[in-house]
Amino acid sequence: MKENIKITVIDRDDQRHELDAPTDMGMSIMELCKAYELPVEGTCGGMALCASCHVYVLNDYALPEPSDDELAMLDQAFFVQDNSRLGCQLKIKEEYDGLEVKLAPVAQ
C-alpha cells in the first residue's frame, strides 16, 4: 500500500498544485487543501452542511456516489456542474492517485 499519492488541485487563479496526499490518515480533499493552505474554508468542518469546499473533479475516477446530504448541499450551492463534489466528502484513497480537482468559484 502506498503511503502517499499525488493529487493535483487547481486553484481559482488556475495555478496547479501537485500535492502529496497521505492514504493512511482518513483525510478528505478539503482537509488536504487546508493542510497546504489553499483557499478552501470548510466552514462546517466536513459535515456536508456548507459548500465552501466545492470542487470540480476533472478526470474520470470511480468515486463513490454522493450522499443525499451532499446532493442537497450541492443543490443549494453556486456554480454547480455535472462534475461538482464537496471536497469534505471525498476521502483520500490509494486508488485516487493522479486525481485532479479544481476549486469552484465563490459567490461574491
PDB file of N, CA and C in Angstrom:
ATOM      1  N   MET A   1       0.837  -1.189   0.000  1.00  0.00           N
ATOM      2  CA  MET A   1       0.000   0.000   0.000  1.00  0.00           C
ATOM      3  C   MET A   1       0.880   1.250   0.000  1.00  0.00           C
ATOM      4  N   LYS A   2       0.545   2.185  -0.874  1.00  0.00           N
ATOM      5  CA  LYS A   2       1.273   3.446  -0.930  1.00  0.00           C
ATOM      6  C   LYS A   2       0.910   4.292   0.281  1.00  0.00           C
ATOM      7  N   GLU A   3       1.907   4.938   0.869  1.00  0.00           N
ATOM      8  CA  GLU A   3       1.635   5.844   1.980  1.00  0.00           C
ATOM      9  C   GLU A   3       1.154   7.198   1.483  1.00  0.00           C
ATOM     10  N   ASN A   4       1.680   7.643   0.329  1.00  0.00           N
ATOM     11  CA  ASN A   4       1.287   8.920  -0.251  1.00  0.00           C
ATOM     12  C   ASN A   4       0.954   8.739  -1.717  1.00  0.00           C
ATOM     13  N   ILE A   5      -0.007   9.517  -2.174  1.00  0.00           N
ATOM     14  CA  ILE A   5      -0.336   9.585  -3.591  1.00  0.00           C
ATOM     15  C   ILE A   5      -0.243  11.046  -4.010  1.00  0.00           C
ATOM     16  N   LYS A   6      -0.367  11.293  -5.293  1.00  0.00           N
ATOM     17  CA  LYS A   6      -0.355  12.664  -5.817  1.00  0.00           C
ATOM     18  C   LYS A   6      -1.779  13.046  -6.212  1.00  0.00           C
ATOM     19  N   ILE A   7      -2.196  14.193  -5.721  1.00  0.00           N
ATOM     20  CA  ILE A   7      -3.475  14.783  -6.119  1.00  0.00           C
ATOM     21  C   ILE A   7      -3.188  16.199  -6.576  1.00  0.00           C
ATOM     22  N   THR A   8      -3.703  16.563  -7.740  1.00  0.00           N
ATOM     23  CA  THR A   8      -3.500  17.907  -8.266  1.00  0.00           C
ATOM     24  C   THR A   8      -4.733  18.744  -7.975  1.00  0.00           C
ATOM     25  N   VAL A   9      -4.487  19.909  -7.402  1.00  0.00           N
ATOM     26  CA  VAL A   9      -5.556  20.864  -7.125  1.00  0.00           C
ATOM     27  C   VAL A   9      -5.254  22.127  -7.918  1.00  0.00           C
ATOM     28  N   ILE A  10      -6.216  22.554  -8.706  1.00  0.00           N
ATOM     29  CA  ILE A  10      -6.085  23.800  -9.458  1.00  0.00           C
ATOM     30  C   ILE A  10      -6.859  24.860  -8.694  1.00  0.00           C
ATOM     31  N   ASP A  11      -6.163  25.923  -8.318  1.00  0.00           N
ATOM     32  CA  ASP A  11      -6.813  26.949  -7.504  1.00  0.00           C
ATOM     33  C   ASP A  11      -7.648  27.887  -8.390  1.00  0.00           C
ATOM     34  N   ARG A  12      -8.233  28.885  -7.784  1.00  0.00           N
ATOM     35  CA  ARG A  12      -9.130  29.799  -8.508  1.00  0.00           C
ATOM     36  C   ARG A  12      -8.395  30.757  -9.439  1.00  0.00           C
ATOM     37  N   ASP A  13      -7.056  30.779  -9.356  1.00  0.00           N
ATOM     38  CA  ASP A  13      -6.237  31.565 -10.280  1.00  0.00           C
ATOM     39  C   ASP A  13      -5.616  30.677 -11.357  1.00  0.00           C
ATOM     40  N   ASP A  14      -6.134  29.461 -11.479  1.00  0.00           N
ATOM     41  CA  ASP A  14      -5.678  28.459 -12.449  1.00  0.00           C
ATOM     42  C   ASP A  14      -4.231  28.015 -12.228  1.00  0.00           C
ATOM     43  N   GLN A  15      -3.747  28.133 -11.005  1.00  0.00           N
ATOM     44  CA  GLN A  15      -2.425  27.621 -10.655  1.00  0.00           C
ATOM     45  C   GLN A  15      -2.575  26.164 -10.224  1.00  0.00           C
ATOM     46  N   ARG A  16      -1.706  25.310 -10.758  1.00  0.00           N
ATOM     47  CA  ARG A  16      -1.734  23.880 -10.438  1.00  0.00           C
ATOM     48  C   ARG A  16      -0.852  23.619  -9.219  1.00  0.00           C
ATOM     49  N   HIS A  17      -1.362  22.831  -8.298  1.00  0.00           N
ATOM     50  CA  HIS A  17      -0.622  22.436  -7.102  1.00  0.00           C
ATOM     51  C   HIS A  17      -0.630  20.912  -7.040  1.00  0.00           C
ATOM     52  N   GLU A  18       0.526  20.279  -7.208  1.00  0.00           N
ATOM     53  CA  GLU A  18       0.623  18.829  -7.096  1.00  0.00           C
ATOM     54  C   GLU A  18       0.939  18.509  -5.646  1.00  0.00           C
ATOM     55  N   LEU A  19      -0.013  17.905  -4.962  1.00  0.00           N
ATOM     56  CA  LEU A  19       0.082  17.702  -3.524  1.00  0.00           C
ATOM     57  C   LEU A  19       0.356  16.242  -3.181  1.00  0.00           C
ATOM     58  N   ASP A  20       1.203  16.038  -2.187  1.00  0.00           N
ATOM     59  CA  ASP A  20       1.393  14.707  -1.619  1.00  0.00           C
ATOM     60  C   ASP A  20       0.248  14.472  -0.649  1.00  0.00           C
ATOM     61  N   ALA A  21      -0.499  13.416  -0.882  1.00  0.00           N
ATOM     62  CA  ALA A  21      -1.680  13.129  -0.077  1.00  0.00           C
ATOM     63  C   ALA A  21      -1.510  11.802   0.648  1.00  0.00           C
ATOM     64  N   PRO A  22      -1.540  11.805   1.980  1.00  0.00           N
ATOM     65  CA  PRO A  22      -1.402  10.549   2.729  1.00  0.00           C
ATOM     66  C   PRO A  22      -2.666   9.699   2.599  1.00  0.00           C
ATOM     67  N   THR A  23      -2.456   8.393   2.430  1.00  0.00           N
ATOM     68  CA  THR A  23      -3.604   7.490   2.297  1.00  0.00           C
ATOM     69  C   THR A  23      -3.954   6.799   3.609  1.00  0.00           C
ATOM     70  N   ASP A  24      -3.160   7.050   4.641  1.00  0.00           N
ATOM     71  CA  ASP A  24      -3.344   6.316   5.889  1.00  0.00           C
ATOM     72  C   ASP A  24      -3.923   7.163   7.024  1.00  0.00           C
ATOM     73  N   MET A  25      -4.444   8.348   6.702  1.00  0.00           N
ATOM     74  CA  MET A  25      -4.933   9.239   7.756  1.00  0.00           C
ATOM     75  C   MET A  25      -6.434   9.510   7.685  1.00  0.00           C
ATOM     76  N   GLY A  26      -7.098   8.999   6.666  1.00  0.00           N
ATOM     77  CA  GLY A  26      -8.533   9.235   6.532  1.00  0.00           C
ATOM     78  C   GLY A  26      -8.871  10.676   6.187  1.00  0.00           C
ATOM     79  N   MET A  27      -7.915  11.392   5.568  1.00  0.00           N
ATOM     80  CA  MET A  27      -8.136  12.794   5.204  1.00  0.00           C
ATOM     81  C   MET A  27      -9.063  12.903   4.005  1.00  0.00           C
ATOM     82  N   SER A  28      -9.725  14.039   3.924  1.00  0.00           N
ATOM     83  CA  SER A  28     -10.551  14.353   2.759  1.00  0.00           C
ATOM     84  C   SER A  28      -9.793  15.330   1.861  1.00  0.00           C
ATOM     85  N   ILE A  29     -10.309  15.545   0.678  1.00  0.00           N
ATOM     86  CA  ILE A  29      -9.741  16.540  -0.236  1.00  0.00           C
ATOM     87  C   ILE A  29      -9.764  17.920   0.431  1.00  0.00           C
ATOM     88  N   MET A  30     -10.833  18.248   1.136  1.00  0.00           N
ATOM     89  CA  MET A  30     -10.918  19.529   1.840  1.00  0.00           C
ATOM     90  C   MET A  30      -9.785  19.668   2.851  1.00  0.00           C
ATOM     91  N   GLU A  31      -9.569  18.642   3.658  1.00  0.00           N
ATOM     92  CA  GLU A  31      -8.522  18.691   4.682  1.00  0.00           C
ATOM     93  C   GLU A  31      -7.132  18.794   4.049  1.00  0.00           C
ATOM     94  N   LEU A  32      -6.937  18.110   2.927  1.00  0.00           N
ATOM     95  CA  LEU A  32      -5.668  18.191   2.214  1.00  0.00           C
ATOM     96  C   LEU A  32      -5.424  19.621   1.737  1.00  0.00           C
ATOM     97  N   CYS A  33      -6.436  20.242   1.144  1.00  0.00           N
ATOM     98  CA  CYS A  33      -6.301  21.622   0.676  1.00  0.00           C
ATOM     99  C   CYS A  33      -5.984  22.558   1.833  1.00  0.00           C
ATOM    100  N   LYS A  34      -6.656  22.377   2.943  1.00  0.00           N
ATOM    101  CA  LYS A  34      -6.394  23.217   4.112  1.00  0.00           C
ATOM    102  C   LYS A  34      -4.977  23.003   4.638  1.00  0.00           C
ATOM    103  N   ALA A  35      -4.501  21.774   4.630  1.00  0.00           N
ATOM    104  CA  ALA A  35      -3.147  21.478   5.102  1.00  0.00           C
ATOM    105  C   ALA A  35      -2.101  22.189   4.249  1.00  0.00           C
ATOM    106  N   TYR A  36      -2.379  22.368   2.965  1.00  0.00           N
ATOM    107  CA  TYR A  36      -1.461  23.066   2.062  1.00  0.00           C
ATOM    108  C   TYR A  36      -1.810  24.557   1.942  1.00  0.00           C
ATOM    109  N   GLU A  37      -2.700  25.024   2.793  1.00  0.00           N
ATOM    110  CA  GLU A  37      -3.105  26.426   2.864  1.00  0.00           C
ATOM    111  C   GLU A  37      -3.677  26.953   1.556  1.00  0.00           C
ATOM    112  N   LEU A  38      -4.415  26.097   0.854  1.00  0.00           N
ATOM    113  CA  LEU A  38      -5.157  26.536  -0.323  1.00  0.00           C
ATOM    114  C   LEU A  38      -6.475  27.146   0.152  1.00  0.00           C
ATOM    115  N   PRO A  39      -7.081  28.023  -0.636  1.00  0.00           N
ATOM    116  CA  PRO A  39      -8.250  28.772  -0.174  1.00  0.00           C
ATOM    117  C   PRO A  39      -9.546  27.960  -0.145  1.00  0.00           C
ATOM    118  N   VAL A  40      -9.598  27.008   0.759  1.00  0.00           N
ATOM    119  CA  VAL A  40     -10.805  26.214   1.000  1.00  0.00           C
ATOM    120  C   VAL A  40     -11.159  26.416   2.463  1.00  0.00           C
ATOM    121  N   GLU A  41     -12.391  26.827   2.712  1.00  0.00           N
ATOM    122  CA  GLU A  41     -12.739  27.146   4.088  1.00  0.00           C
ATOM    123  C   GLU A  41     -13.166  25.940   4.906  1.00  0.00           C
ATOM    124  N   GLY A  42     -14.053  25.135   4.379  1.00  0.00           N
ATOM    125  CA  GLY A  42     -14.548  24.012   5.170  1.00  0.00           C
ATOM    126  C   GLY A  42     -15.260  24.503   6.421  1.00  0.00           C
ATOM    127  N   THR A  43     -16.110  25.489   6.245  1.00  0.00           N
ATOM    128  CA  THR A  43     -16.788  26.164   7.355  1.00  0.00           C
ATOM    129  C   THR A  43     -17.507  25.203   8.291  1.00  0.00           C
ATOM    130  N   CYS A  44     -18.119  24.161   7.743  1.00  0.00           N
ATOM    131  CA  CYS A  44     -18.907  23.244   8.573  1.00  0.00           C
ATOM    132  C   CYS A  44     -18.059  22.128   9.176  1.00  0.00           C
ATOM    133  N   GLY A  45     -16.776  22.114   8.861  1.00  0.00           N
ATOM    134  CA  GLY A  45     -15.889  21.096   9.423  1.00  0.00           C
ATOM    135  C   GLY A  45     -16.014  19.733   8.773  1.00  0.00           C
ATOM    136  N   GLY A  46     -16.555  19.686   7.583  1.00  0.00           N
ATOM    137  CA  GLY A  46     -16.627  18.414   6.864  1.00  0.00           C
ATOM    138  C   GLY A  46     -17.923  17.648   7.036  1.00  0.00           C
ATOM    139  N   MET A  47     -18.983  18.341   7.429  1.00  0.00           N
ATOM    140  CA  MET A  47     -20.268  17.688   7.696  1.00  0.00           C
ATOM    141  C   MET A  47     -21.247  17.762   6.517  1.00  0.00           C
ATOM    142  N   ALA A  48     -20.806  18.272   5.366  1.00  0.00           N
ATOM    143  CA  ALA A  48     -21.664  18.468   4.185  1.00  0.00           C
ATOM    144  C   ALA A  48     -22.818  19.415   4.495  1.00  0.00           C
ATOM    145  N   LEU A  49     -22.534  20.434   5.307  1.00  0.00           N
ATOM    146  CA  LEU A  49     -23.556  21.418   5.680  1.00  0.00           C
ATOM    147  C   LEU A  49     -23.309  22.786   5.054  1.00  0.00           C
ATOM    148  N   CYS A  50     -22.237  22.901   4.286  1.00  0.00           N
ATOM    149  CA  CYS A  50     -21.960  24.136   3.561  1.00  0.00           C
ATOM    150  C   CYS A  50     -21.347  23.714   2.229  1.00  0.00           C
ATOM    151  N   ALA A  51     -21.012  24.642   1.419  1.00  0.00           N
ATOM    152  CA  ALA A  51     -20.380  24.288   0.143  1.00  0.00           C
ATOM    153  C   ALA A  51     -19.064  25.020  -0.022  1.00  0.00           C
ATOM    154  N   SER A  52     -18.422  25.369   1.076  1.00  0.00           N
ATOM    155  CA  SER A  52     -17.177  26.136   0.990  1.00  0.00           C
ATOM    156  C   SER A  52     -15.980  25.280   0.563  1.00  0.00           C
ATOM    157  N   CYS A  53     -16.195  23.988   0.347  1.00  0.00           N
ATOM    158  CA  CYS A  53     -15.132  23.098  -0.160  1.00  0.00           C
ATOM    159  C   CYS A  53     -15.525  22.512  -1.522  1.00  0.00           C
ATOM    160  N   HIS A  54     -16.419  23.194  -2.232  1.00  0.00           N
ATOM    161  CA  HIS A  54     -16.924  22.762  -3.535  1.00  0.00           C
ATOM    162  C   HIS A  54     -15.772  22.679  -4.543  1.00  0.00           C
ATOM    163  N   VAL A  55     -15.652  21.522  -5.187  1.00  0.00           N
ATOM    164  CA  VAL A  55     -14.622  21.307  -6.211  1.00  0.00           C
ATOM    165  C   VAL A  55     -15.254  20.669  -7.448  1.00  0.00           C
ATOM    166  N   TYR A  56     -14.536  20.784  -8.545  1.00  0.00           N
ATOM    167  CA  TYR A  56     -14.880  20.079  -9.777  1.00  0.00           C
ATOM    168  C   TYR A  56     -13.868  18.956  -9.969  1.00  0.00           C
ATOM    169  N   VAL A  57     -14.349  17.749 -10.169  1.00  0.00           N
ATOM    170  CA  VAL A  57     -13.472  16.608 -10.438  1.00  0.00           C
ATOM    171  C   VAL A  57     -13.187  16.609 -11.935  1.00  0.00           C
ATOM    172  N   LEU A  58     -11.897  16.718 -12.299  1.00  0.00           N
ATOM    173  CA  LEU A  58     -11.527  16.936 -13.695  1.00  0.00           C
ATOM    174  C   LEU A  58     -11.190  15.677 -14.474  1.00  0.00           C
ATOM    175  N   ASN A  59     -10.913  14.588 -13.786  1.00  0.00           N
ATOM    176  CA  ASN A  59     -10.624  13.361 -14.531  1.00  0.00           C
ATOM    177  C   ASN A  59     -11.558  12.250 -14.057  1.00  0.00           C
ATOM    178  N   ASP A  60     -11.555  11.180 -14.817  1.00  0.00           N
ATOM    179  CA  ASP A  60     -12.549  10.126 -14.626  1.00  0.00           C
ATOM    180  C   ASP A  60     -12.055   9.091 -13.621  1.00  0.00           C
ATOM    181  N   TYR A  61     -12.570   9.172 -12.410  1.00  0.00           N
ATOM    182  CA  TYR A  61     -12.240   8.208 -11.360  1.00  0.00           C
ATOM    183  C   TYR A  61     -13.536   7.593 -10.845  1.00  0.00           C
ATOM    184  N   ALA A  62     -13.462   6.367 -10.411  1.00  0.00           N
ATOM    185  CA  ALA A  62     -14.623   5.693  -9.836  1.00  0.00           C
ATOM    186  C   ALA A  62     -14.789   6.173  -8.393  1.00  0.00           C
ATOM    187  N   LEU A  63     -15.368   7.349  -8.245  1.00  0.00           N
ATOM    188  CA  LEU A  63     -15.608   7.915  -6.921  1.00  0.00           C
ATOM    189  C   LEU A  63     -16.918   7.373  -6.370  1.00  0.00           C
ATOM    190  N   PRO A  64     -17.060   7.337  -5.065  1.00  0.00           N
ATOM    191  CA  PRO A  64     -18.340   6.914  -4.502  1.00  0.00           C
ATOM    192  C   PRO A  64     -19.444   7.898  -4.897  1.00  0.00           C
ATOM    193  N   GLU A  65     -20.638   7.389  -5.003  1.00  0.00           N
ATOM    194  CA  GLU A  65     -21.770   8.253  -5.316  1.00  0.00           C
ATOM    195  C   GLU A  65     -21.968   9.269  -4.193  1.00  0.00           C
ATOM    196  N   PRO A  66     -22.376  10.482  -4.520  1.00  0.00           N
ATOM    197  CA  PRO A  66     -22.632  11.470  -3.461  1.00  0.00           C
ATOM    198  C   PRO A  66     -23.798  11.027  -2.576  1.00  0.00           C
ATOM    199  N   SER A  67     -23.675  11.319  -1.297  1.00  0.00           N
ATOM    200  CA  SER A  67     -24.756  11.006  -0.359  1.00  0.00           C
ATOM    201  C   SER A  67     -25.918  11.967  -0.579  1.00  0.00           C
ATOM    202  N   ASP A  68     -27.056  11.661   0.011  1.00  0.00           N
ATOM    203  CA  ASP A  68     -28.209  12.565  -0.064  1.00  0.00           C
ATOM    204  C   ASP A  68     -27.871  13.925   0.537  1.00  0.00           C
ATOM    205  N   ASP A  69     -27.106  13.949   1.625  1.00  0.00           N
ATOM    206  CA  ASP A  69     -26.706  15.210   2.252  1.00  0.00           C
ATOM    207  C   ASP A  69     -25.834  16.039   1.306  1.00  0.00           C
ATOM    208  N   GLU A  70     -24.898  15.365   0.642  1.00  0.00           N
ATOM    209  CA  GLU A  70     -24.032  16.086  -0.297  1.00  0.00           C
ATOM    210  C   GLU A  70     -24.842  16.628  -1.470  1.00  0.00           C
ATOM    211  N   LEU A  71     -25.733  15.821  -2.020  1.00  0.00           N
ATOM    212  CA  LEU A  71     -26.568  16.281  -3.129  1.00  0.00           C
ATOM    213  C   LEU A  71     -27.452  17.456  -2.719  1.00  0.00           C
ATOM    214  N   ALA A  72     -27.987  17.406  -1.507  1.00  0.00           N
ATOM    215  CA  ALA A  72     -28.833  18.506  -1.020  1.00  0.00           C
ATOM    216  C   ALA A  72     -28.022  19.792  -0.903  1.00  0.00           C
ATOM    217  N   MET A  73     -26.792  19.685  -0.435  1.00  0.00           N
ATOM    218  CA  MET A  73     -25.954  20.885  -0.293  1.00  0.00           C
ATOM    219  C   MET A  73     -25.549  21.408  -1.654  1.00  0.00           C
ATOM    220  N   LEU A  74     -25.186  20.526  -2.584  1.00  0.00           N
ATOM    221  CA  LEU A  74     -24.835  20.969  -3.930  1.00  0.00           C
ATOM    222  C   LEU A  74     -26.024  21.619  -4.624  1.00  0.00           C
ATOM    223  N   ASP A  75     -27.219  21.168  -4.279  1.00  0.00           N
ATOM    224  CA  ASP A  75     -28.430  21.747  -4.859  1.00  0.00           C
ATOM    225  C   ASP A  75     -28.574  23.216  -4.463  1.00  0.00           C
ATOM    226  N   GLN A  76     -27.986  23.611  -3.356  1.00  0.00           N
ATOM    227  CA  GLN A  76     -28.063  24.988  -2.875  1.00  0.00           C
ATOM    228  C   GLN A  76     -26.811  25.803  -3.202  1.00  0.00           C
ATOM    229  N   ALA A  77     -25.781  25.154  -3.732  1.00  0.00           N
ATOM    230  CA  ALA A  77     -24.503  25.824  -3.998  1.00  0.00           C
ATOM    231  C   ALA A  77     -24.561  26.614  -5.305  1.00  0.00           C
ATOM    232  N   PHE A  78     -23.606  27.516  -5.443  1.00  0.00           N
ATOM    233  CA  PHE A  78     -23.451  28.291  -6.670  1.00  0.00           C
ATOM    234  C   PHE A  78     -22.489  27.580  -7.612  1.00  0.00           C
ATOM    235  N   PHE A  79     -22.628  27.831  -8.911  1.00  0.00           N
ATOM    236  CA  PHE A  79     -21.683  27.363  -9.939  1.00  0.00           C
ATOM    237  C   PHE A  79     -21.566  25.841  -9.999  1.00  0.00           C
ATOM    238  N   VAL A  80     -22.639  25.124  -9.728  1.00  0.00           N
ATOM    239  CA  VAL A  80     -22.628  23.661  -9.745  1.00  0.00           C
ATOM    240  C   VAL A  80     -22.590  23.157 -11.187  1.00  0.00           C
ATOM    241  N   GLN A  81     -21.757  22.154 -11.405  1.00  0.00           N
ATOM    242  CA  GLN A  81     -21.643  21.491 -12.699  1.00  0.00           C
ATOM    243  C   GLN A  81     -21.838  19.988 -12.495  1.00  0.00           C
ATOM    244  N   ASP A  82     -21.876  19.250 -13.587  1.00  0.00           N
ATOM    245  CA  ASP A  82     -22.066  17.801 -13.505  1.00  0.00           C
ATOM    246  C   ASP A  82     -20.951  17.112 -12.715  1.00  0.00           C
ATOM    247  N   ASN A  83     -19.760  17.701 -12.702  1.00  0.00           N
ATOM    248  CA  ASN A  83     -18.624  17.096 -12.019  1.00  0.00           C
ATOM    249  C   ASN A  83     -18.372  17.725 -10.639  1.00  0.00           C
ATOM    250  N   SER A  84     -19.359  18.422 -10.099  1.00  0.00           N
ATOM    251  CA  SER A  84     -19.223  19.054  -8.784  1.00  0.00           C
ATOM    252  C   SER A  84     -19.288  18.027  -7.665  1.00  0.00           C
ATOM    253  N   ARG A  85     -18.426  18.227  -6.668  1.00  0.00           N
ATOM    254  CA  ARG A  85     -18.440  17.423  -5.444  1.00  0.00           C
ATOM    255  C   ARG A  85     -18.040  18.326  -4.280  1.00  0.00           C
ATOM    256  N   LEU A  86     -18.356  17.892  -3.089  1.00  0.00           N
ATOM    257  CA  LEU A  86     -17.867  18.561  -1.892  1.00  0.00           C
ATOM    258  C   LEU A  86     -16.571  17.879  -1.494  1.00  0.00           C
ATOM    259  N   GLY A  87     -15.511  18.648  -1.385  1.00  0.00           N
ATOM    260  CA  GLY A  87     -14.200  18.093  -1.050  1.00  0.00           C
ATOM    261  C   GLY A  87     -14.185  17.363   0.276  1.00  0.00           C
ATOM    262  N   CYS A  88     -15.052  17.786   1.198  1.00  0.00           N
ATOM    263  CA  CYS A  88     -15.091  17.134   2.517  1.00  0.00           C
ATOM    264  C   CYS A  88     -15.641  15.726   2.452  1.00  0.00           C
ATOM    265  N   GLN A  89     -16.333  15.400   1.388  1.00  0.00           N
ATOM    266  CA  GLN A  89     -16.950  14.084   1.265  1.00  0.00           C
ATOM    267  C   GLN A  89     -16.107  13.108   0.448  1.00  0.00           C
ATOM    268  N   LEU A  90     -14.967  13.574  -0.054  1.00  0.00           N
ATOM    269  CA  LEU A  90     -14.073  12.714  -0.837  1.00  0.00           C
ATOM    270  C   LEU A  90     -12.865  12.353   0.006  1.00  0.00           C
ATOM    271  N   LYS A  91     -12.927  11.184   0.619  1.00  0.00           N
ATOM    272  CA  LYS A  91     -11.826  10.697   1.447  1.00  0.00           C
ATOM    273  C   LYS A  91     -10.713  10.169   0.548  1.00  0.00           C
ATOM    274  N   ILE A  92      -9.487  10.518   0.868  1.00  0.00           N
ATOM    275  CA  ILE A  92      -8.330  10.151   0.052  1.00  0.00           C
ATOM    276  C   ILE A  92      -8.065   8.653   0.165  1.00  0.00           C
ATOM    277  N   LYS A  93      -7.980   8.015  -1.003  1.00  0.00           N
ATOM    278  CA  LYS A  93      -7.711   6.585  -1.091  1.00  0.00           C
ATOM    279  C   LYS A  93      -6.586   6.361  -2.092  1.00  0.00           C
ATOM    280  N   GLU A  94      -5.891   5.250  -1.940  1.00  0.00           N
ATOM    281  CA  GLU A  94      -4.769   4.924  -2.819  1.00  0.00           C
ATOM    282  C   GLU A  94      -5.182   4.936  -4.289  1.00  0.00           C
ATOM    283  N   GLU A  95      -6.389   4.478  -4.590  1.00  0.00           N
ATOM    284  CA  GLU A  95      -6.823   4.397  -5.980  1.00  0.00           C
ATOM    285  C   GLU A  95      -7.118   5.765  -6.603  1.00  0.00           C
ATOM    286  N   TYR A  96      -7.024   6.842  -5.818  1.00  0.00           N
ATOM    287  CA  TYR A  96      -7.223   8.195  -6.352  1.00  0.00           C
ATOM    288  C   TYR A  96      -5.912   8.842  -6.776  1.00  0.00           C
ATOM    289  N   ASP A  97      -4.824   8.065  -6.822  1.00  0.00           N
ATOM    290  CA  ASP A  97      -3.539   8.600  -7.264  1.00  0.00           C
ATOM    291  C   ASP A  97      -3.714   9.231  -8.649  1.00  0.00           C
ATOM    292  N   GLY A  98      -3.313  10.503  -8.782  1.00  0.00           N
ATOM    293  CA  GLY A  98      -3.454  11.217 -10.047  1.00  0.00           C
ATOM    294  C   GLY A  98      -4.743  12.003 -10.175  1.00  0.00           C
ATOM    295  N   LEU A  99      -5.602  11.960  -9.170  1.00  0.00           N
ATOM    296  CA  LEU A  99      -6.860  12.708  -9.207  1.00  0.00           C
ATOM    297  C   LEU A  99      -6.579  14.192  -9.387  1.00  0.00           C
ATOM    298  N   GLU A 100      -7.393  14.849 -10.205  1.00  0.00           N
ATOM    299  CA  GLU A 100      -7.291  16.296 -10.407  1.00  0.00           C
ATOM    300  C   GLU A 100      -8.626  16.936 -10.070  1.00  0.00           C
ATOM    301  N   VAL A 101      -8.564  17.983  -9.259  1.00  0.00           N
ATOM    302  CA  VAL A 101      -9.763  18.752  -8.928  1.00  0.00           C
ATOM    303  C   VAL A 101      -9.455  20.229  -9.100  1.00  0.00           C
ATOM    304  N   LYS A 102     -10.501  20.993  -9.338  1.00  0.00           N
ATOM    305  CA  LYS A 102     -10.387  22.453  -9.441  1.00  0.00           C
ATOM    306  C   LYS A 102     -11.321  23.067  -8.404  1.00  0.00           C
ATOM    307  N   LEU A 103     -10.814  24.057  -7.690  1.00  0.00           N
ATOM    308  CA  LEU A 103     -11.652  24.748  -6.709  1.00  0.00           C
ATOM    309  C   LEU A 103     -12.727  25.536  -7.450  1.00  0.00           C
ATOM    310  N   ALA A 104     -13.960  25.372  -7.025  1.00  0.00           N
ATOM    311  CA  ALA A 104     -15.069  26.092  -7.624  1.00  0.00           C
ATOM    312  C   ALA A 104     -15.004  27.561  -7.224  1.00  0.00           C
ATOM    313  N   PRO A 105     -15.504  28.446  -8.064  1.00  0.00           N
ATOM    314  CA  PRO A 105     -15.514  29.857  -7.689  1.00  0.00           C
ATOM    315  C   PRO A 105     -16.433  30.082  -6.482  1.00  0.00           C
ATOM    316  N   VAL A 106     -16.179  31.158  -5.782  1.00  0.00           N
ATOM    317  CA  VAL A 106     -17.029  31.516  -4.648  1.00  0.00           C
ATOM    318  C   VAL A 106     -17.966  32.637  -5.065  1.00  0.00           C
ATOM    319  N   ALA A 107     -19.159  32.634  -4.511  1.00  0.00           N
ATOM    320  CA  ALA A 107     -20.133  33.687  -4.807  1.00  0.00           C
ATOM    321  C   ALA A 107     -19.651  34.987  -4.165  1.00  0.00           C
ATOM    322  N   GLN A 108     -19.772  36.068  -4.887  1.00  0.00           N
ATOM    323  CA  GLN A 108     -19.330  37.375  -4.371  1.00  0.00           C
ATOM    324  C   GLN A 108     -20.467  38.081  -3.683  1.00  0.00           C
TER     325      GLN A 108
END
